[in-house]
Full PDB file with SEQRES, HELIX, SHEET, SSBOND, CRYST1, ORIGX, SCALE, CONECT and MASTER records, all heavy atoms in Angstrom:
SEQRES   1 A   41  ASN GLU LYS LEU VAL GLU ARG GLY ILE LEU ILE LEU GLU          
SEQRES   2 A   41  SER LEU ALA ASN VAL SER ARG ASP VAL ALA LEU GLU VAL          
SEQRES   3 A   41  LEU LYS THR ALA ASP MET SER VAL PRO LEU ALA LEU VAL          
SEQRES   4 A   41  MET LEU                                                      
HELIX    1 AA1 GLU A    2  ALA A   16  1                                  15    
HELIX    2 AA2 ARG A   20  THR A   29  1                                  10    
HELIX    3 AA3 VAL A   34  MET A   40  1                                   7    
CRYST1    1.000    1.000    1.000  90.00  90.00  90.00 P 1           1          
ORIGX1      1.000000  0.000000  0.000000        0.00000                         
ORIGX2      0.000000  1.000000  0.000000        0.00000                         
ORIGX3      0.000000  0.000000  1.000000        0.00000                         
SCALE1      1.000000  0.000000  0.000000        0.00000                         
SCALE2      0.000000  1.000000  0.000000        0.00000                         
SCALE3      0.000000  0.000000  1.000000        0.00000                         
ATOM      1  N   ASN A   1     166.698 147.771 124.836  1.00  0.00           N  
ATOM      2  CA  ASN A   1     165.775 148.632 125.566  1.00  0.00           C  
ATOM      3  C   ASN A   1     164.469 147.883 125.812  1.00  0.00           C  
ATOM      4  O   ASN A   1     164.282 146.759 125.345  1.00  0.00           O  
ATOM      5  CB  ASN A   1     165.540 149.950 124.810  1.00  0.00           C  
ATOM      6  CG  ASN A   1     164.965 149.736 123.424  1.00  0.00           C  
ATOM      7  OD1 ASN A   1     164.079 148.913 123.225  1.00  0.00           O  
ATOM      8  ND2 ASN A   1     165.467 150.488 122.456  1.00  0.00           N  
ATOM      9  N   GLU A   2     163.589 148.507 126.552  1.00  0.00           N  
ATOM     10  CA  GLU A   2     162.331 147.855 126.949  1.00  0.00           C  
ATOM     11  C   GLU A   2     161.473 147.454 125.748  1.00  0.00           C  
ATOM     12  O   GLU A   2     160.864 146.384 125.730  1.00  0.00           O  
ATOM     13  CB  GLU A   2     161.550 148.794 127.867  1.00  0.00           C  
ATOM     14  CG  GLU A   2     160.413 148.111 128.589  1.00  0.00           C  
ATOM     15  CD  GLU A   2     159.762 149.018 129.613  1.00  0.00           C  
ATOM     16  OE1 GLU A   2     160.482 149.766 130.307  1.00  0.00           O  
ATOM     17  OE2 GLU A   2     158.531 148.964 129.709  1.00  0.00           O  
ATOM     18  N   LYS A   3     161.436 148.308 124.738  1.00  0.00           N  
ATOM     19  CA  LYS A   3     160.638 148.018 123.538  1.00  0.00           C  
ATOM     20  C   LYS A   3     161.146 146.751 122.842  1.00  0.00           C  
ATOM     21  O   LYS A   3     160.358 145.896 122.422  1.00  0.00           O  
ATOM     22  CB  LYS A   3     160.693 149.209 122.583  1.00  0.00           C  
ATOM     23  CG  LYS A   3     159.927 148.994 121.304  1.00  0.00           C  
ATOM     24  CD  LYS A   3     160.078 150.203 120.397  1.00  0.00           C  
ATOM     25  CE  LYS A   3     159.429 149.941 119.054  1.00  0.00           C  
ATOM     26  NZ  LYS A   3     159.660 151.026 118.106  1.00  0.00           N  
ATOM     27  N   LEU A   4     162.463 146.619 122.725  1.00  0.00           N  
ATOM     28  CA  LEU A   4     163.029 145.441 122.081  1.00  0.00           C  
ATOM     29  C   LEU A   4     162.858 144.191 122.935  1.00  0.00           C  
ATOM     30  O   LEU A   4     162.675 143.099 122.404  1.00  0.00           O  
ATOM     31  CB  LEU A   4     164.495 145.682 121.743  1.00  0.00           C  
ATOM     32  CG  LEU A   4     164.741 146.714 120.643  1.00  0.00           C  
ATOM     33  CD1 LEU A   4     166.233 146.970 120.474  1.00  0.00           C  
ATOM     34  CD2 LEU A   4     164.112 146.283 119.334  1.00  0.00           C  
ATOM     35  N   VAL A   5     162.893 144.335 124.249  1.00  0.00           N  
ATOM     36  CA  VAL A   5     162.635 143.194 125.130  1.00  0.00           C  
ATOM     37  C   VAL A   5     161.207 142.697 124.907  1.00  0.00           C  
ATOM     38  O   VAL A   5     160.973 141.492 124.776  1.00  0.00           O  
ATOM     39  CB  VAL A   5     162.866 143.558 126.615  1.00  0.00           C  
ATOM     40  CG1 VAL A   5     162.359 142.455 127.535  1.00  0.00           C  
ATOM     41  CG2 VAL A   5     164.340 143.827 126.878  1.00  0.00           C  
ATOM     42  N   GLU A   6     160.268 143.620 124.822  1.00  0.00           N  
ATOM     43  CA  GLU A   6     158.869 143.242 124.557  1.00  0.00           C  
ATOM     44  C   GLU A   6     158.746 142.535 123.213  1.00  0.00           C  
ATOM     45  O   GLU A   6     158.023 141.551 123.080  1.00  0.00           O  
ATOM     46  CB  GLU A   6     157.958 144.467 124.605  1.00  0.00           C  
ATOM     47  CG  GLU A   6     157.716 144.993 125.993  1.00  0.00           C  
ATOM     48  CD  GLU A   6     157.098 143.963 126.921  1.00  0.00           C  
ATOM     49  OE1 GLU A   6     156.165 143.236 126.514  1.00  0.00           O  
ATOM     50  OE2 GLU A   6     157.556 143.866 128.074  1.00  0.00           O  
ATOM     51  N   ARG A   7     159.448 143.042 122.202  1.00  0.00           N  
ATOM     52  CA  ARG A   7     159.409 142.411 120.885  1.00  0.00           C  
ATOM     53  C   ARG A   7     159.986 141.005 120.953  1.00  0.00           C  
ATOM     54  O   ARG A   7     159.452 140.075 120.358  1.00  0.00           O  
ATOM     55  CB  ARG A   7     160.168 143.254 119.864  1.00  0.00           C  
ATOM     56  CG  ARG A   7     160.028 142.706 118.457  1.00  0.00           C  
ATOM     57  CD  ARG A   7     160.647 143.599 117.419  1.00  0.00           C  
ATOM     58  NE  ARG A   7     159.971 144.881 117.401  1.00  0.00           N  
ATOM     59  CZ  ARG A   7     160.525 146.012 116.991  1.00  0.00           C  
ATOM     60  NH1 ARG A   7     161.773 146.017 116.558  1.00  0.00           N  
ATOM     61  NH2 ARG A   7     159.852 147.138 116.992  1.00  0.00           N  
ATOM     62  N   GLY A   8     161.079 140.835 121.696  1.00  0.00           N  
ATOM     63  CA  GLY A   8     161.674 139.517 121.857  1.00  0.00           C  
ATOM     64  C   GLY A   8     160.724 138.537 122.530  1.00  0.00           C  
ATOM     65  O   GLY A   8     160.615 137.382 122.115  1.00  0.00           O  
ATOM     66  N   ILE A   9     160.030 139.004 123.540  1.00  0.00           N  
ATOM     67  CA  ILE A   9     159.044 138.159 124.232  1.00  0.00           C  
ATOM     68  C   ILE A   9     157.935 137.758 123.270  1.00  0.00           C  
ATOM     69  O   ILE A   9     157.541 136.585 123.203  1.00  0.00           O  
ATOM     70  CB  ILE A   9     158.475 138.885 125.469  1.00  0.00           C  
ATOM     71  CG1 ILE A   9     159.555 139.034 126.538  1.00  0.00           C  
ATOM     72  CG2 ILE A   9     157.266 138.138 126.035  1.00  0.00           C  
ATOM     73  CD1 ILE A   9     159.183 139.974 127.667  1.00  0.00           C  
ATOM     74  N   LEU A  10     157.426 138.715 122.497  1.00  0.00           N  
ATOM     75  CA  LEU A  10     156.363 138.430 121.538  1.00  0.00           C  
ATOM     76  C   LEU A  10     156.815 137.434 120.470  1.00  0.00           C  
ATOM     77  O   LEU A  10     156.050 136.557 120.065  1.00  0.00           O  
ATOM     78  CB  LEU A  10     155.865 139.718 120.884  1.00  0.00           C  
ATOM     79  CG  LEU A  10     155.064 140.643 121.781  1.00  0.00           C  
ATOM     80  CD1 LEU A  10     154.795 141.975 121.080  1.00  0.00           C  
ATOM     81  CD2 LEU A  10     153.750 139.994 122.182  1.00  0.00           C  
ATOM     82  N   ILE A  11     158.049 137.569 120.027  1.00  0.00           N  
ATOM     83  CA  ILE A  11     158.580 136.631 119.036  1.00  0.00           C  
ATOM     84  C   ILE A  11     158.607 135.223 119.604  1.00  0.00           C  
ATOM     85  O   ILE A  11     158.185 134.264 118.953  1.00  0.00           O  
ATOM     86  CB  ILE A  11     159.982 137.085 118.568  1.00  0.00           C  
ATOM     87  CG1 ILE A  11     159.847 138.312 117.662  1.00  0.00           C  
ATOM     88  CG2 ILE A  11     160.718 135.954 117.861  1.00  0.00           C  
ATOM     89  CD1 ILE A  11     161.172 138.972 117.326  1.00  0.00           C  
ATOM     90  N   LEU A  12     159.102 135.077 120.823  1.00  0.00           N  
ATOM     91  CA  LEU A  12     159.154 133.751 121.447  1.00  0.00           C  
ATOM     92  C   LEU A  12     157.759 133.185 121.681  1.00  0.00           C  
ATOM     93  O   LEU A  12     157.524 131.998 121.442  1.00  0.00           O  
ATOM     94  CB  LEU A  12     159.938 133.808 122.757  1.00  0.00           C  
ATOM     95  CG  LEU A  12     161.432 134.087 122.623  1.00  0.00           C  
ATOM     96  CD1 LEU A  12     162.067 134.224 123.997  1.00  0.00           C  
ATOM     97  CD2 LEU A  12     162.117 133.015 121.807  1.00  0.00           C  
ATOM     98  N   GLU A  13     156.847 134.031 122.142  1.00  0.00           N  
ATOM     99  CA  GLU A  13     155.471 133.573 122.343  1.00  0.00           C  
ATOM    100  C   GLU A  13     154.896 133.030 121.042  1.00  0.00           C  
ATOM    101  O   GLU A  13     154.276 131.964 121.013  1.00  0.00           O  
ATOM    102  CB  GLU A  13     154.584 134.728 122.823  1.00  0.00           C  
ATOM    103  CG  GLU A  13     154.734 135.101 124.262  1.00  0.00           C  
ATOM    104  CD  GLU A  13     153.821 136.257 124.630  1.00  0.00           C  
ATOM    105  OE1 GLU A  13     154.074 137.391 124.165  1.00  0.00           O  
ATOM    106  OE2 GLU A  13     152.852 136.008 125.369  1.00  0.00           O  
ATOM    107  N   SER A  14     155.098 133.781 119.985  1.00  0.00           N  
ATOM    108  CA  SER A  14     154.523 133.431 118.689  1.00  0.00           C  
ATOM    109  C   SER A  14     155.177 132.194 118.078  1.00  0.00           C  
ATOM    110  O   SER A  14     154.486 131.258 117.667  1.00  0.00           O  
ATOM    111  CB  SER A  14     154.677 134.621 117.740  1.00  0.00           C  
ATOM    112  OG  SER A  14     154.298 134.291 116.442  1.00  0.00           O  
ATOM    113  N   LEU A  15     156.492 132.184 118.004  1.00  0.00           N  
ATOM    114  CA  LEU A  15     157.183 131.097 117.316  1.00  0.00           C  
ATOM    115  C   LEU A  15     157.234 129.798 118.112  1.00  0.00           C  
ATOM    116  O   LEU A  15     157.212 128.721 117.525  1.00  0.00           O  
ATOM    117  CB  LEU A  15     158.606 131.532 116.949  1.00  0.00           C  
ATOM    118  CG  LEU A  15     158.709 132.661 115.926  1.00  0.00           C  
ATOM    119  CD1 LEU A  15     160.160 133.027 115.683  1.00  0.00           C  
ATOM    120  CD2 LEU A  15     158.023 132.278 114.622  1.00  0.00           C  
ATOM    121  N   ALA A  16     157.326 129.890 119.424  1.00  0.00           N  
ATOM    122  CA  ALA A  16     157.428 128.687 120.255  1.00  0.00           C  
ATOM    123  C   ALA A  16     156.093 128.298 120.868  1.00  0.00           C  
ATOM    124  O   ALA A  16     156.002 127.279 121.551  1.00  0.00           O  
ATOM    125  CB  ALA A  16     158.468 128.891 121.347  1.00  0.00           C  
ATOM    126  N   ASN A  17     155.086 129.135 120.646  1.00  0.00           N  
ATOM    127  CA  ASN A  17     153.746 128.861 121.167  1.00  0.00           C  
ATOM    128  C   ASN A  17     153.770 128.631 122.682  1.00  0.00           C  
ATOM    129  O   ASN A  17     153.306 127.601 123.178  1.00  0.00           O  
ATOM    130  CB  ASN A  17     153.116 127.676 120.436  1.00  0.00           C  
ATOM    131  CG  ASN A  17     151.615 127.630 120.650  1.00  0.00           C  
ATOM    132  OD1 ASN A  17     150.984 128.652 120.867  1.00  0.00           O  
ATOM    133  ND2 ASN A  17     151.044 126.438 120.594  1.00  0.00           N  
ATOM    134  N   VAL A  18     154.366 129.593 123.392  1.00  0.00           N  
ATOM    135  CA  VAL A  18     154.439 129.528 124.852  1.00  0.00           C  
ATOM    136  C   VAL A  18     153.805 130.778 125.445  1.00  0.00           C  
ATOM    137  O   VAL A  18     153.573 131.764 124.750  1.00  0.00           O  
ATOM    138  CB  VAL A  18     155.904 129.400 125.347  1.00  0.00           C  
ATOM    139  CG1 VAL A  18     156.519 128.093 124.885  1.00  0.00           C  
ATOM    140  CG2 VAL A  18     156.746 130.580 124.903  1.00  0.00           C  
ATOM    141  N   SER A  19     153.556 130.736 126.732  1.00  0.00           N  
ATOM    142  CA  SER A  19     152.986 131.894 127.416  1.00  0.00           C  
ATOM    143  C   SER A  19     154.032 132.987 127.584  1.00  0.00           C  
ATOM    144  O   SER A  19     155.237 132.748 127.453  1.00  0.00           O  
ATOM    145  CB  SER A  19     152.467 131.486 128.798  1.00  0.00           C  
ATOM    146  OG  SER A  19     153.560 131.188 129.647  1.00  0.00           O  
ATOM    147  N   ARG A  20     153.568 134.163 127.912  1.00  0.00           N  
ATOM    148  CA  ARG A  20     154.467 135.294 128.143  1.00  0.00           C  
ATOM    149  C   ARG A  20     155.443 134.986 129.290  1.00  0.00           C  
ATOM    150  O   ARG A  20     156.627 135.286 129.199  1.00  0.00           O  
ATOM    151  CB  ARG A  20     153.640 136.542 128.467  1.00  0.00           C  
ATOM    152  CG  ARG A  20     154.490 137.748 128.812  1.00  0.00           C  
ATOM    153  CD  ARG A  20     153.637 138.962 129.141  1.00  0.00           C  
ATOM    154  NE  ARG A  20     154.467 140.053 129.583  1.00  0.00           N  
ATOM    155  CZ  ARG A  20     155.222 140.815 128.804  1.00  0.00           C  
ATOM    156  NH1 ARG A  20     155.245 140.601 127.514  1.00  0.00           N  
ATOM    157  NH2 ARG A  20     155.962 141.782 129.290  1.00  0.00           N  
ATOM    158  N   ASP A  21     154.934 134.380 130.353  1.00  0.00           N  
ATOM    159  CA  ASP A  21     155.780 134.057 131.506  1.00  0.00           C  
ATOM    160  C   ASP A  21     156.896 133.086 131.126  1.00  0.00           C  
ATOM    161  O   ASP A  21     158.042 133.266 131.530  1.00  0.00           O  
ATOM    162  CB  ASP A  21     154.943 133.472 132.646  1.00  0.00           C  
ATOM    163  CG  ASP A  21     154.001 134.494 133.262  1.00  0.00           C  
ATOM    164  OD1 ASP A  21     154.264 135.704 133.129  1.00  0.00           O  
ATOM    165  OD2 ASP A  21     153.002 134.075 133.872  1.00  0.00           O  
ATOM    166  N   VAL A  22     156.550 132.065 130.357  1.00  0.00           N  
ATOM    167  CA  VAL A  22     157.550 131.089 129.919  1.00  0.00           C  
ATOM    168  C   VAL A  22     158.566 131.763 129.002  1.00  0.00           C  
ATOM    169  O   VAL A  22     159.770 131.572 129.142  1.00  0.00           O  
ATOM    170  CB  VAL A  22     156.885 129.881 129.218  1.00  0.00           C  
ATOM    171  CG1 VAL A  22     157.919 128.989 128.546  1.00  0.00           C  
ATOM    172  CG2 VAL A  22     156.052 129.084 130.202  1.00  0.00           C  
ATOM    173  N   ALA A  23     158.083 132.567 128.070  1.00  0.00           N  
ATOM    174  CA  ALA A  23     158.977 133.271 127.141  1.00  0.00           C  
ATOM    175  C   ALA A  23     159.961 134.153 127.898  1.00  0.00           C  
ATOM    176  O   ALA A  23     161.164 134.128 127.613  1.00  0.00           O  
ATOM    177  CB  ALA A  23     158.156 134.103 126.157  1.00  0.00           C  
ATOM    178  N   LEU A  24     159.480 134.900 128.869  1.00  0.00           N  
ATOM    179  CA  LEU A  24     160.349 135.791 129.643  1.00  0.00           C  
ATOM    180  C   LEU A  24     161.355 135.000 130.471  1.00  0.00           C  
ATOM    181  O   LEU A  24     162.542 135.350 130.532  1.00  0.00           O  
ATOM    182  CB  LEU A  24     159.511 136.706 130.545  1.00  0.00           C  
ATOM    183  CG  LEU A  24     160.293 137.705 131.391  1.00  0.00           C  
ATOM    184  CD1 LEU A  24     161.167 138.610 130.518  1.00  0.00           C  
ATOM    185  CD2 LEU A  24     159.337 138.545 132.224  1.00  0.00           C  
ATOM    186  N   GLU A  25     160.917 133.922 131.093  1.00  0.00           N  
ATOM    187  CA  GLU A  25     161.804 133.107 131.916  1.00  0.00           C  
ATOM    188  C   GLU A  25     162.923 132.485 131.075  1.00  0.00           C  
ATOM    189  O   GLU A  25     164.095 132.517 131.465  1.00  0.00           O  
ATOM    190  CB  GLU A  25     161.009 132.000 132.632  1.00  0.00           C  
ATOM    191  CG  GLU A  25     161.802 131.240 133.651  1.00  0.00           C  
ATOM    192  CD  GLU A  25     162.317 132.117 134.787  1.00  0.00           C  
ATOM    193  OE1 GLU A  25     161.619 133.052 135.206  1.00  0.00           O  
ATOM    194  OE2 GLU A  25     163.453 131.854 135.245  1.00  0.00           O  
ATOM    195  N   VAL A  26     162.563 131.934 129.919  1.00  0.00           N  
ATOM    196  CA  VAL A  26     163.575 131.322 129.053  1.00  0.00           C  
ATOM    197  C   VAL A  26     164.504 132.393 128.493  1.00  0.00           C  
ATOM    198  O   VAL A  26     165.709 132.190 128.389  1.00  0.00           O  
ATOM    199  CB  VAL A  26     162.921 130.490 127.929  1.00  0.00           C  
ATOM    200  CG1 VAL A  26     163.955 129.991 126.933  1.00  0.00           C  
ATOM    201  CG2 VAL A  26     162.158 129.325 128.526  1.00  0.00           C  
ATOM    202  N   LEU A  27     163.963 133.553 128.167  1.00  0.00           N  
ATOM    203  CA  LEU A  27     164.781 134.656 127.670  1.00  0.00           C  
ATOM    204  C   LEU A  27     165.809 135.083 128.720  1.00  0.00           C  
ATOM    205  O   LEU A  27     166.978 135.311 128.404  1.00  0.00           O  
ATOM    206  CB  LEU A  27     163.881 135.824 127.279  1.00  0.00           C  
ATOM    207  CG  LEU A  27     164.478 136.925 126.415  1.00  0.00           C  
ATOM    208  CD1 LEU A  27     165.091 136.370 125.149  1.00  0.00           C  
ATOM    209  CD2 LEU A  27     163.413 137.947 126.083  1.00  0.00           C  
ATOM    210  N   LYS A  28     165.394 135.145 129.971  1.00  0.00           N  
ATOM    211  CA  LYS A  28     166.326 135.477 131.054  1.00  0.00           C  
ATOM    212  C   LYS A  28     167.392 134.398 131.200  1.00  0.00           C  
ATOM    213  O   LYS A  28     168.568 134.700 131.371  1.00  0.00           O  
ATOM    214  CB  LYS A  28     165.575 135.658 132.370  1.00  0.00           C  
ATOM    215  CG  LYS A  28     164.783 136.944 132.459  1.00  0.00           C  
ATOM    216  CD  LYS A  28     164.043 137.026 133.781  1.00  0.00           C  
ATOM    217  CE  LYS A  28     163.213 138.284 133.884  1.00  0.00           C  
ATOM    218  NZ  LYS A  28     162.438 138.319 135.150  1.00  0.00           N  
ATOM    219  N   THR A  29     166.976 133.141 131.134  1.00  0.00           N  
ATOM    220  CA  THR A  29     167.918 132.027 131.225  1.00  0.00           C  
ATOM    221  C   THR A  29     168.927 132.078 130.085  1.00  0.00           C  
ATOM    222  O   THR A  29     170.097 131.745 130.268  1.00  0.00           O  
ATOM    223  CB  THR A  29     167.158 130.680 131.186  1.00  0.00           C  
ATOM    224  OG1 THR A  29     166.248 130.632 132.282  1.00  0.00           O  
ATOM    225  CG2 THR A  29     168.103 129.494 131.265  1.00  0.00           C  
ATOM    226  N   ALA A  30     168.474 132.527 128.924  1.00  0.00           N  
ATOM    227  CA  ALA A  30     169.323 132.610 127.730  1.00  0.00           C  
ATOM    228  C   ALA A  30     170.105 133.917 127.663  1.00  0.00           C  
ATOM    229  O   ALA A  30     170.565 134.305 126.585  1.00  0.00           O  
ATOM    230  CB  ALA A  30     168.463 132.445 126.488  1.00  0.00           C  
ATOM    231  N   ASP A  31     170.229 134.593 128.769  1.00  0.00           N  
ATOM    232  CA  ASP A  31     170.956 135.868 128.836  1.00  0.00           C  
ATOM    233  C   ASP A  31     170.414 136.899 127.858  1.00  0.00           C  
ATOM    234  O   ASP A  31     171.173 137.628 127.210  1.00  0.00           O  
ATOM    235  CB  ASP A  31     172.460 135.653 128.603  1.00  0.00           C  
ATOM    236  CG  ASP A  31     173.075 134.712 129.615  1.00  0.00           C  
ATOM    237  OD1 ASP A  31     172.671 134.769 130.797  1.00  0.00           O  
ATOM    238  OD2 ASP A  31     173.944 133.903 129.236  1.00  0.00           O  
ATOM    239  N   MET A  32     169.099 136.924 127.726  1.00  0.00           N  
ATOM    240  CA  MET A  32     168.382 137.881 126.870  1.00  0.00           C  
ATOM    241  C   MET A  32     168.752 137.735 125.391  1.00  0.00           C  
ATOM    242  O   MET A  32     168.701 138.689 124.630  1.00  0.00           O  
ATOM    243  CB  MET A  32     168.595 139.311 127.353  1.00  0.00           C  
ATOM    244  CG  MET A  32     168.162 139.550 128.790  1.00  0.00           C  
ATOM    245  SD  MET A  32     166.471 139.002 129.144  1.00  0.00           S  
ATOM    246  CE  MET A  32     165.528 140.374 128.498  1.00  0.00           C  
ATOM    247  N   SER A  33     169.082 136.526 124.973  1.00  0.00           N  
ATOM    248  CA  SER A  33     169.393 136.229 123.573  1.00  0.00           C  
ATOM    249  C   SER A  33     168.195 135.518 122.947  1.00  0.00           C  
ATOM    250  O   SER A  33     167.882 134.381 123.308  1.00  0.00           O  
ATOM    251  CB  SER A  33     170.629 135.338 123.480  1.00  0.00           C  
ATOM    252  OG  SER A  33     170.773 134.831 122.170  1.00  0.00           O  
ATOM    253  N   VAL A  34     167.544 136.188 122.008  1.00  0.00           N  
ATOM    254  CA  VAL A  34     166.373 135.603 121.356  1.00  0.00           C  
ATOM    255  C   VAL A  34     166.742 134.330 120.594  1.00  0.00           C  
ATOM    256  O   VAL A  34     166.050 133.313 120.732  1.00  0.00           O  
ATOM    257  CB  VAL A  34     165.661 136.627 120.440  1.00  0.00           C  
ATOM    258  CG1 VAL A  34     164.523 135.975 119.674  1.00  0.00           C  
ATOM    259  CG2 VAL A  34     165.141 137.804 121.259  1.00  0.00           C  
ATOM    260  N   PRO A  35     167.825 134.304 119.797  1.00  0.00           N  
ATOM    261  CA  PRO A  35     168.157 133.060 119.092  1.00  0.00           C  
ATOM    262  C   PRO A  35     168.417 131.893 120.053  1.00  0.00           C  
ATOM    263  O   PRO A  35     167.932 130.783 119.827  1.00  0.00           O  
ATOM    264  CB  PRO A  35     169.426 133.409 118.310  1.00  0.00           C  
ATOM    265  CG  PRO A  35     169.408 134.879 118.173  1.00  0.00           C  
ATOM    266  CD  PRO A  35     168.729 135.391 119.409  1.00  0.00           C  
ATOM    267  N   LEU A  36     169.145 132.156 121.112  1.00  0.00           N  
ATOM    268  CA  LEU A  36     169.448 131.112 122.088  1.00  0.00           C  
ATOM    269  C   LEU A  36     168.164 130.600 122.743  1.00  0.00           C  
ATOM    270  O   LEU A  36     167.951 129.391 122.851  1.00  0.00           O  
ATOM    271  CB  LEU A  36     170.410 131.670 123.145  1.00  0.00           C  
ATOM    272  CG  LEU A  36     171.075 130.692 124.085  1.00  0.00           C  
ATOM    273  CD1 LEU A  36     171.914 129.671 123.332  1.00  0.00           C  
ATOM    274  CD2 LEU A  36     171.941 131.450 125.076  1.00  0.00           C  
ATOM    275  N   ALA A  37     167.301 131.511 123.137  1.00  0.00           N  
ATOM    276  CA  ALA A  37     166.036 131.132 123.768  1.00  0.00           C  
ATOM    277  C   ALA A  37     165.139 130.375 122.795  1.00  0.00           C  
ATOM    278  O   ALA A  37     164.491 129.394 123.174  1.00  0.00           O  
ATOM    279  CB  ALA A  37     165.312 132.375 124.286  1.00  0.00           C  
ATOM    280  N   LEU A  38     165.112 130.802 121.546  1.00  0.00           N  
ATOM    281  CA  LEU A  38     164.261 130.140 120.559  1.00  0.00           C  
ATOM    282  C   LEU A  38     164.719 128.706 120.304  1.00  0.00           C  
ATOM    283  O   LEU A  38     163.898 127.793 120.243  1.00  0.00           O  
ATOM    284  CB  LEU A  38     164.248 130.940 119.251  1.00  0.00           C  
ATOM    285  CG  LEU A  38     163.297 130.433 118.178  1.00  0.00           C  
ATOM    286  CD1 LEU A  38     161.848 130.407 118.682  1.00  0.00           C  
ATOM    287  CD2 LEU A  38     163.394 131.314 116.938  1.00  0.00           C  
ATOM    288  N   VAL A  39     166.023 128.514 120.199  1.00  0.00           N  
ATOM    289  CA  VAL A  39     166.534 127.151 120.014  1.00  0.00           C  
ATOM    290  C   VAL A  39     166.218 126.309 121.245  1.00  0.00           C  
ATOM    291  O   VAL A  39     165.806 125.145 121.124  1.00  0.00           O  
ATOM    292  CB  VAL A  39     168.052 127.152 119.703  1.00  0.00           C  
ATOM    293  CG1 VAL A  39     168.600 125.724 119.667  1.00  0.00           C  
ATOM    294  CG2 VAL A  39     168.321 127.872 118.389  1.00  0.00           C  
ATOM    295  N   MET A  40     166.366 126.880 122.428  1.00  0.00           N  
ATOM    296  CA  MET A  40     166.039 126.151 123.652  1.00  0.00           C  
ATOM    297  C   MET A  40     164.585 125.684 123.638  1.00  0.00           C  
ATOM    298  O   MET A  40     164.290 124.527 123.962  1.00  0.00           O  
ATOM    299  CB  MET A  40     166.279 127.036 124.886  1.00  0.00           C  
ATOM    300  CG  MET A  40     167.731 127.298 125.190  1.00  0.00           C  
ATOM    301  SD  MET A  40     167.980 128.576 126.462  1.00  0.00           S  
ATOM    302  CE  MET A  40     167.272 127.789 127.901  1.00  0.00           C  
ATOM    303  N   LEU A  41     163.688 126.572 123.250  1.00  0.00           N  
ATOM    304  CA  LEU A  41     162.262 126.255 123.265  1.00  0.00           C  
ATOM    305  C   LEU A  41     161.850 125.301 122.146  1.00  0.00           C  
ATOM    306  O   LEU A  41     161.133 124.332 122.379  1.00  0.00           O  
ATOM    307  CB  LEU A  41     161.436 127.540 123.181  1.00  0.00           C  
ATOM    308  CG  LEU A  41     161.433 128.404 124.431  1.00  0.00           C  
ATOM    309  CD1 LEU A  41     160.857 129.783 124.130  1.00  0.00           C  
ATOM    310  CD2 LEU A  41     160.647 127.728 125.549  1.00  0.00           C  
TER     311      LEU A  41                                                      
MASTER        0    0    0    3    0    0    0    6  310    1    0    4          
END                                                                             
């Protein structure tokens, strides 16, 4: 849901030290998988 998507974006921003736009773009590329996106970043 939208709340969890926001949490996923915040996690990526925080752990990978990237902007919100970058976090969202990588998350989309990773098929909305936080672990996959985090490893990518």
